[in-house]
Amino acid sequence: MFLPKYPDSPTPPPAHTPTVVDQVPARRPAPQISIGTGAVVAVLVGGVVLTALLAAVAVTAISVAVAAVVLRSMLRDQHRR
């Protein structure tokens, strides 16, 4: 009653037919990018200018800090008198 019923002649599983895989389309070569001498010079000059500005800001910050310490010590000496 609860037993499964099997077919009299089992059918074979369907045969897998291989599918043709589409070939990968050929890649187009990347465009050649030529960097001119002017571009290289512009980048180098820009880097030098930015580095000089950064150094100037750093030197200015250090000199302001030293001046603040000197003024603070002078004002402290004046208040002690």
N, C-alpha and C. Protein backbone atom coordinates (compact mmCIF):
# COMPACT_ATOMS: atom_id res chain seq x y z
N MET A 1 0.82 -1.18 0.00
CA MET A 1 0.00 0.00 0.00
C MET A 1 0.88 1.27 0.00
N PHE A 2 1.86 1.30 0.89
CA PHE A 2 2.74 2.46 0.93
C PHE A 2 4.05 2.24 0.16
N LEU A 3 4.15 1.18 -0.58
CA LEU A 3 5.35 0.92 -1.34
C LEU A 3 5.31 1.70 -2.65
N PRO A 4 6.47 2.25 -3.07
CA PRO A 4 6.46 3.01 -4.33
C PRO A 4 6.28 2.07 -5.51
N LYS A 5 5.69 2.60 -6.55
CA LYS A 5 5.49 1.83 -7.76
C LYS A 5 6.57 2.24 -8.76
N TYR A 6 7.29 1.25 -9.21
CA TYR A 6 8.34 1.49 -10.19
C TYR A 6 7.81 1.19 -11.57
N PRO A 7 8.27 1.94 -12.58
CA PRO A 7 7.81 1.60 -13.93
C PRO A 7 8.38 0.25 -14.38
N ASP A 8 7.65 -0.38 -15.27
CA ASP A 8 8.09 -1.70 -15.73
C ASP A 8 9.40 -1.60 -16.52
N SER A 9 9.49 -0.63 -17.41
CA SER A 9 10.73 -0.45 -18.16
C SER A 9 11.24 0.95 -17.86
N PRO A 10 12.27 1.04 -17.04
CA PRO A 10 12.76 2.38 -16.70
C PRO A 10 13.33 3.07 -17.94
N THR A 11 13.03 4.36 -18.03
CA THR A 11 13.55 5.13 -19.15
C THR A 11 14.95 5.62 -18.79
N PRO A 12 15.86 5.55 -19.72
CA PRO A 12 17.21 6.02 -19.42
C PRO A 12 17.20 7.53 -19.23
N PRO A 13 18.12 8.04 -18.44
CA PRO A 13 18.17 9.49 -18.27
C PRO A 13 18.47 10.15 -19.60
N PRO A 14 17.99 11.35 -19.79
CA PRO A 14 18.23 12.01 -21.08
C PRO A 14 19.72 12.26 -21.27
N ALA A 15 20.17 12.00 -22.45
CA ALA A 15 21.59 12.19 -22.76
C ALA A 15 21.88 13.70 -22.83
N HIS A 16 22.97 14.07 -22.21
CA HIS A 16 23.38 15.48 -22.21
C HIS A 16 24.08 15.78 -23.52
N THR A 17 23.51 16.70 -24.24
CA THR A 17 24.14 17.08 -25.50
C THR A 17 25.07 18.26 -25.22
N PRO A 18 26.32 18.15 -25.61
CA PRO A 18 27.24 19.28 -25.34
C PRO A 18 26.82 20.51 -26.15
N THR A 19 26.89 21.62 -25.47
CA THR A 19 26.55 22.87 -26.14
C THR A 19 27.83 23.54 -26.62
N VAL A 20 27.71 24.23 -27.71
CA VAL A 20 28.86 24.93 -28.26
C VAL A 20 29.02 26.23 -27.48
N VAL A 21 30.19 26.40 -26.92
CA VAL A 21 30.47 27.60 -26.14
C VAL A 21 30.89 28.70 -27.11
N ASP A 22 30.27 29.85 -26.95
CA ASP A 22 30.65 30.97 -27.80
C ASP A 22 32.09 31.35 -27.51
N GLN A 23 32.80 31.61 -28.56
CA GLN A 23 34.19 32.01 -28.38
C GLN A 23 34.23 33.43 -27.83
N VAL A 24 35.20 33.67 -26.98
CA VAL A 24 35.37 35.00 -26.42
C VAL A 24 35.81 35.93 -27.54
N PRO A 25 35.11 37.06 -27.68
CA PRO A 25 35.52 37.96 -28.76
C PRO A 25 36.92 38.50 -28.50
N ALA A 26 37.64 38.69 -29.57
CA ALA A 26 39.01 39.19 -29.45
C ALA A 26 39.00 40.58 -28.85
N ARG A 27 39.89 40.80 -27.89
CA ARG A 27 39.96 42.12 -27.25
C ARG A 27 40.65 43.10 -28.19
N ARG A 28 40.11 44.29 -28.15
CA ARG A 28 40.77 45.35 -28.92
C ARG A 28 41.98 45.82 -28.14
N PRO A 29 43.05 46.11 -28.80
CA PRO A 29 44.23 46.59 -28.06
C PRO A 29 43.93 47.95 -27.43
N ALA A 30 44.50 48.16 -26.26
CA ALA A 30 44.30 49.43 -25.57
C ALA A 30 44.93 50.56 -26.38
N PRO A 31 44.29 51.71 -26.37
CA PRO A 31 44.87 52.81 -27.14
C PRO A 31 46.20 53.24 -26.54
N GLN A 32 47.10 53.58 -27.40
CA GLN A 32 48.41 54.02 -26.96
C GLN A 32 48.31 55.45 -26.45
N ILE A 33 48.80 55.66 -25.25
CA ILE A 33 48.79 57.00 -24.67
C ILE A 33 50.23 57.50 -24.66
N SER A 34 50.45 58.55 -25.39
CA SER A 34 51.80 59.10 -25.43
C SER A 34 51.85 60.31 -24.50
N ILE A 35 52.82 60.30 -23.63
CA ILE A 35 52.99 61.40 -22.69
C ILE A 35 54.09 62.30 -23.25
N GLY A 36 53.71 63.53 -23.47
CA GLY A 36 54.66 64.46 -24.05
C GLY A 36 55.64 64.98 -23.02
N THR A 37 56.70 65.55 -23.51
CA THR A 37 57.72 66.12 -22.63
C THR A 37 57.16 67.28 -21.83
N GLY A 38 56.26 68.04 -22.45
CA GLY A 38 55.67 69.18 -21.76
C GLY A 38 54.85 68.75 -20.55
N ALA A 39 54.15 67.63 -20.67
CA ALA A 39 53.35 67.14 -19.55
C ALA A 39 54.24 66.71 -18.39
N VAL A 40 55.33 66.05 -18.70
CA VAL A 40 56.26 65.61 -17.65
C VAL A 40 56.87 66.81 -16.95
N VAL A 41 57.27 67.81 -17.72
CA VAL A 41 57.85 69.02 -17.14
C VAL A 41 56.83 69.74 -16.26
N ALA A 42 55.57 69.80 -16.72
CA ALA A 42 54.54 70.47 -15.94
C ALA A 42 54.30 69.76 -14.62
N VAL A 43 54.28 68.45 -14.63
CA VAL A 43 54.08 67.69 -13.39
C VAL A 43 55.26 67.90 -12.44
N LEU A 44 56.46 67.87 -12.96
CA LEU A 44 57.64 68.07 -12.11
C LEU A 44 57.68 69.47 -11.51
N VAL A 45 57.39 70.48 -12.33
CA VAL A 45 57.39 71.85 -11.83
C VAL A 45 56.29 72.03 -10.78
N GLY A 46 55.13 71.46 -11.05
CA GLY A 46 54.04 71.55 -10.07
C GLY A 46 54.41 70.88 -8.76
N GLY A 47 55.08 69.75 -8.83
CA GLY A 47 55.52 69.07 -7.61
C GLY A 47 56.54 69.88 -6.84
N VAL A 48 57.47 70.50 -7.54
CA VAL A 48 58.49 71.32 -6.87
C VAL A 48 57.83 72.53 -6.21
N VAL A 49 56.90 73.17 -6.90
CA VAL A 49 56.23 74.35 -6.34
C VAL A 49 55.43 73.97 -5.11
N LEU A 50 54.68 72.87 -5.19
CA LEU A 50 53.88 72.46 -4.03
C LEU A 50 54.76 72.06 -2.85
N THR A 51 55.88 71.42 -3.13
CA THR A 51 56.81 71.06 -2.05
C THR A 51 57.40 72.31 -1.41
N ALA A 52 57.75 73.29 -2.21
CA ALA A 52 58.29 74.53 -1.66
C ALA A 52 57.25 75.26 -0.81
N LEU A 53 56.00 75.28 -1.26
CA LEU A 53 54.94 75.92 -0.46
C LEU A 53 54.73 75.19 0.86
N LEU A 54 54.76 73.88 0.82
CA LEU A 54 54.61 73.11 2.05
C LEU A 54 55.75 73.37 3.01
N ALA A 55 56.98 73.45 2.50
CA ALA A 55 58.13 73.76 3.35
C ALA A 55 58.01 75.17 3.93
N ALA A 56 57.53 76.13 3.14
CA ALA A 56 57.37 77.50 3.64
C ALA A 56 56.33 77.55 4.76
N VAL A 57 55.25 76.81 4.61
CA VAL A 57 54.22 76.78 5.66
C VAL A 57 54.79 76.15 6.92
N ALA A 58 55.57 75.08 6.77
CA ALA A 58 56.14 74.42 7.95
C ALA A 58 57.12 75.33 8.67
N VAL A 59 57.98 76.03 7.93
CA VAL A 59 58.95 76.94 8.55
C VAL A 59 58.23 78.09 9.25
N THR A 60 57.19 78.61 8.63
CA THR A 60 56.42 79.69 9.24
C THR A 60 55.76 79.23 10.53
N ALA A 61 55.20 78.02 10.52
CA ALA A 61 54.55 77.50 11.74
C ALA A 61 55.55 77.32 12.87
N ILE A 62 56.73 76.84 12.54
CA ILE A 62 57.76 76.65 13.58
C ILE A 62 58.21 78.00 14.12
N SER A 63 58.41 78.98 13.26
CA SER A 63 58.87 80.29 13.73
C SER A 63 57.79 80.97 14.58
N VAL A 64 56.52 80.81 14.23
CA VAL A 64 55.45 81.38 15.05
C VAL A 64 55.41 80.69 16.41
N ALA A 65 55.62 79.38 16.44
CA ALA A 65 55.62 78.66 17.71
C ALA A 65 56.78 79.11 18.59
N VAL A 66 57.95 79.29 18.01
CA VAL A 66 59.11 79.76 18.79
C VAL A 66 58.86 81.17 19.31
N ALA A 67 58.32 82.03 18.47
CA ALA A 67 58.02 83.39 18.91
C ALA A 67 57.00 83.39 20.04
N ALA A 68 56.01 82.52 19.98
CA ALA A 68 55.01 82.43 21.05
C ALA A 68 55.64 81.98 22.36
N VAL A 69 56.57 81.04 22.30
CA VAL A 69 57.23 80.57 23.52
C VAL A 69 58.09 81.67 24.11
N VAL A 70 58.81 82.42 23.27
CA VAL A 70 59.65 83.51 23.77
C VAL A 70 58.79 84.60 24.41
N LEU A 71 57.72 85.00 23.73
CA LEU A 71 56.84 86.03 24.31
C LEU A 71 56.21 85.56 25.61
N ARG A 72 55.85 84.30 25.66
CA ARG A 72 55.25 83.78 26.90
C ARG A 72 56.24 83.84 28.06
N SER A 73 57.48 83.46 27.78
CA SER A 73 58.48 83.49 28.86
C SER A 73 58.80 84.93 29.26
N MET A 74 58.81 85.87 28.31
CA MET A 74 59.06 87.27 28.66
C MET A 74 57.91 87.83 29.49
N LEU A 75 56.68 87.50 29.13
CA LEU A 75 55.54 88.01 29.92
C LEU A 75 55.50 87.37 31.31
N ARG A 76 55.90 86.13 31.41
CA ARG A 76 55.91 85.47 32.72
C ARG A 76 56.95 86.13 33.63
N ASP A 77 58.13 86.47 33.07
CA ASP A 77 59.17 87.14 33.87
C ASP A 77 58.70 88.53 34.32
N GLN A 78 57.96 89.22 33.46
CA GLN A 78 57.49 90.56 33.80
C GLN A 78 56.44 90.50 34.91
N HIS A 79 55.59 89.48 34.91
CA HIS A 79 54.57 89.37 35.95
C HIS A 79 55.16 88.97 37.29
N ARG A 80 56.31 88.33 37.32
CA ARG A 80 56.92 87.89 38.58
C ARG A 80 57.55 89.07 39.32
N ARG A 81 57.90 90.11 38.60
CA ARG A 81 58.58 91.23 39.24
C ARG A 81 57.64 92.04 40.06
